[in-house]
């Protein structure tokens, strides 16, 4: 069952920015040749259970967006975009950035996964407790 708020521009408590705006800010900062998972992006914007909504925000950008949407994968290091018609385009873009896929059509997250520095987390106003729980959850 889909949430009635899935993918909608929700305001984040105490902030003037919408969830979608915050997601796009994080995705723009992922370096070339690196990736984050939908769950990581959601956690970085303070909504660790909103991975599907992150996917919805990125889907609405369209294939031709200048935001590097291709750098966000599922938790297994695989593309989740085939079913919405963008899988081949995402794979092509990631390969152009130097990422290699294995026989299961996944990338090695240990090799390509990126994590913002403590300084970046501070600049993004990620609460220290949230940063600590993110590090614990994702192993950083």
Protein backbone atom coordinates (compact mmCIF):
# COMPACT_ATOMS: atom_id res chain seq x y z
CA UNK A 1 0.00 0.00 0.00
CA UNK A 2 1.34 3.43 -0.93
CA UNK A 3 1.44 6.26 1.51
CA UNK A 4 -0.74 9.23 0.59
CA UNK A 5 2.33 11.43 1.09
CA UNK A 6 4.71 9.36 -1.05
CA UNK A 7 6.90 11.66 -3.09
CA UNK A 8 5.03 14.83 -2.10
CA UNK A 9 6.92 17.93 -1.09
CA UNK A 10 6.66 17.64 2.67
CA UNK A 11 8.07 20.28 4.97
CA UNK A 12 10.69 19.06 7.39
CA UNK A 13 10.13 20.05 11.02
CA UNK A 14 11.72 23.40 11.80
CA UNK A 15 13.11 23.86 8.30
CA UNK A 16 12.00 25.99 5.38
CA UNK A 17 13.16 23.37 2.90
CA UNK A 18 11.05 20.51 1.63
CA UNK A 19 12.08 16.89 1.89
CA UNK A 20 12.56 16.79 -1.89
CA UNK A 21 14.85 19.82 -1.82
CA UNK A 22 16.99 18.23 0.87
CA UNK A 23 17.18 14.95 -1.06
CA UNK A 24 18.36 16.76 -4.18
CA UNK A 25 20.98 18.68 -2.21
CA UNK A 26 22.46 15.43 -0.90
CA UNK A 27 22.37 13.70 -4.29
CA UNK A 28 24.12 16.65 -5.97
CA UNK A 29 27.03 16.20 -3.56
CA UNK A 30 27.72 12.54 -4.33
CA UNK A 31 31.11 12.52 -6.07
CA UNK A 32 31.56 11.11 -9.56
CA UNK A 33 32.27 7.37 -9.41
CA UNK A 34 30.62 6.96 -5.99
CA UNK A 35 27.12 5.99 -4.87
CA UNK A 36 24.73 6.17 -1.95
CA UNK A 37 21.73 3.97 -1.26
CA UNK A 38 18.17 5.29 -1.08
CA UNK A 39 18.23 4.53 2.65
CA UNK A 40 21.42 6.51 3.18
CA UNK A 41 19.99 9.55 1.42
CA UNK A 42 16.81 9.29 3.49
CA UNK A 43 18.84 9.03 6.70
CA UNK A 44 20.98 12.03 5.74
CA UNK A 45 17.91 14.23 5.41
CA UNK A 46 16.59 13.06 8.77
CA UNK A 47 13.98 10.54 7.60
CA UNK A 48 15.69 7.14 7.81
CA UNK A 49 12.50 5.23 6.94
CA UNK A 50 11.77 7.21 3.76
CA UNK A 51 13.92 5.33 1.23
CA UNK A 52 10.97 4.76 -1.12
CA UNK A 53 10.07 8.42 -1.03
CA UNK A 54 13.67 9.25 -2.02
CA UNK A 55 13.14 7.00 -5.04
CA UNK A 56 9.96 8.88 -5.90
CA UNK A 57 11.71 12.24 -5.70
CA UNK A 58 14.47 11.05 -8.03
CA UNK A 59 12.02 9.41 -10.45
CA UNK A 60 10.20 12.70 -10.92
CA UNK A 61 13.42 14.33 -12.15
CA UNK A 62 13.34 12.42 -15.41
CA UNK A 63 16.25 10.86 -17.30
CA UNK A 64 17.58 14.16 -18.64
CA UNK A 65 18.02 15.88 -15.29
CA UNK A 66 21.42 17.36 -14.47
CA UNK A 67 21.08 16.05 -10.89
CA UNK A 68 23.20 12.85 -10.74
CA UNK A 69 20.24 10.61 -9.89
CA UNK A 70 22.10 7.61 -11.28
CA UNK A 71 24.37 7.60 -8.20
CA UNK A 72 21.62 6.31 -5.92
CA UNK A 73 21.11 2.53 -5.73
CA UNK A 74 19.23 0.06 -3.59
CA UNK A 75 20.73 -1.44 -0.44
CA UNK A 76 22.09 -4.43 -2.36
CA UNK A 77 24.06 -2.25 -4.77
CA UNK A 78 21.63 -2.96 -7.58
CA UNK A 79 19.57 -0.78 -9.89
CA UNK A 80 15.91 -0.43 -8.99
CA UNK A 81 15.09 1.63 -12.05
CA UNK A 82 14.49 -1.07 -14.66
CA UNK A 83 10.83 -1.33 -13.74
CA UNK A 84 10.33 2.40 -14.34
CA UNK A 85 12.20 2.40 -17.64
CA UNK A 86 15.50 4.03 -16.61
CA UNK A 87 17.67 1.00 -15.78
CA UNK A 88 19.74 0.91 -18.95
CA UNK A 89 20.33 4.66 -18.81
CA UNK A 90 21.40 4.47 -15.15
CA UNK A 91 23.76 1.57 -15.81
CA UNK A 92 25.30 3.34 -18.82
CA UNK A 93 25.91 6.52 -16.79
CA UNK A 94 27.47 4.63 -13.89
CA UNK A 95 29.74 2.65 -16.21
CA UNK A 96 30.82 5.93 -17.82
CA UNK A 97 31.88 7.05 -14.32
CA UNK A 98 34.03 3.92 -13.94
CA UNK A 99 31.73 1.69 -11.88
CA UNK A 100 31.80 -2.01 -12.70
CA UNK A 101 28.89 -4.40 -12.34
CA UNK A 102 29.23 -8.06 -11.34
CA UNK A 103 27.37 -11.02 -12.85
CA UNK A 104 24.39 -10.35 -10.62
CA UNK A 105 24.17 -6.82 -12.09
CA UNK A 106 25.28 -5.25 -8.80
CA UNK A 107 28.19 -3.06 -7.86
CA UNK A 108 30.45 -3.67 -4.87
CA UNK A 109 29.14 -1.22 -2.30
CA UNK A 110 32.31 -1.66 -0.23
CA UNK A 111 34.28 -0.23 -3.14
CA UNK A 112 32.01 2.49 -4.53
CA UNK A 113 29.86 3.61 -1.62
CA UNK A 114 30.52 7.15 -0.44
CA UNK A 115 29.97 8.73 2.92
CA UNK A 116 30.11 12.46 3.70
CA UNK A 117 32.85 13.67 6.02
CA UNK A 118 32.10 14.89 9.54
CA UNK A 119 32.60 18.42 8.25
CA UNK A 120 30.01 17.91 5.49
CA UNK A 121 27.54 16.42 7.96
CA UNK A 122 27.93 19.52 10.14
CA UNK A 123 27.48 21.82 7.14
CA UNK A 124 24.27 19.96 6.27
CA UNK A 125 23.11 20.48 9.86
CA UNK A 126 22.84 16.75 10.51
CA UNK A 127 22.28 16.37 14.24
CA UNK A 128 25.19 14.67 16.07
CA UNK A 129 22.90 11.97 17.48
CA UNK A 130 21.46 11.28 14.04
CA UNK A 131 24.97 11.13 12.53
CA UNK A 132 26.03 8.66 15.23
CA UNK A 133 23.01 6.44 14.61
CA UNK A 134 23.59 6.59 10.84
CA UNK A 135 27.21 5.56 11.36
CA UNK A 136 26.08 2.68 13.58
CA UNK A 137 23.35 1.55 11.17
CA UNK A 138 25.48 1.70 8.03
CA UNK A 139 28.79 0.68 9.60
CA UNK A 140 30.73 3.93 9.17
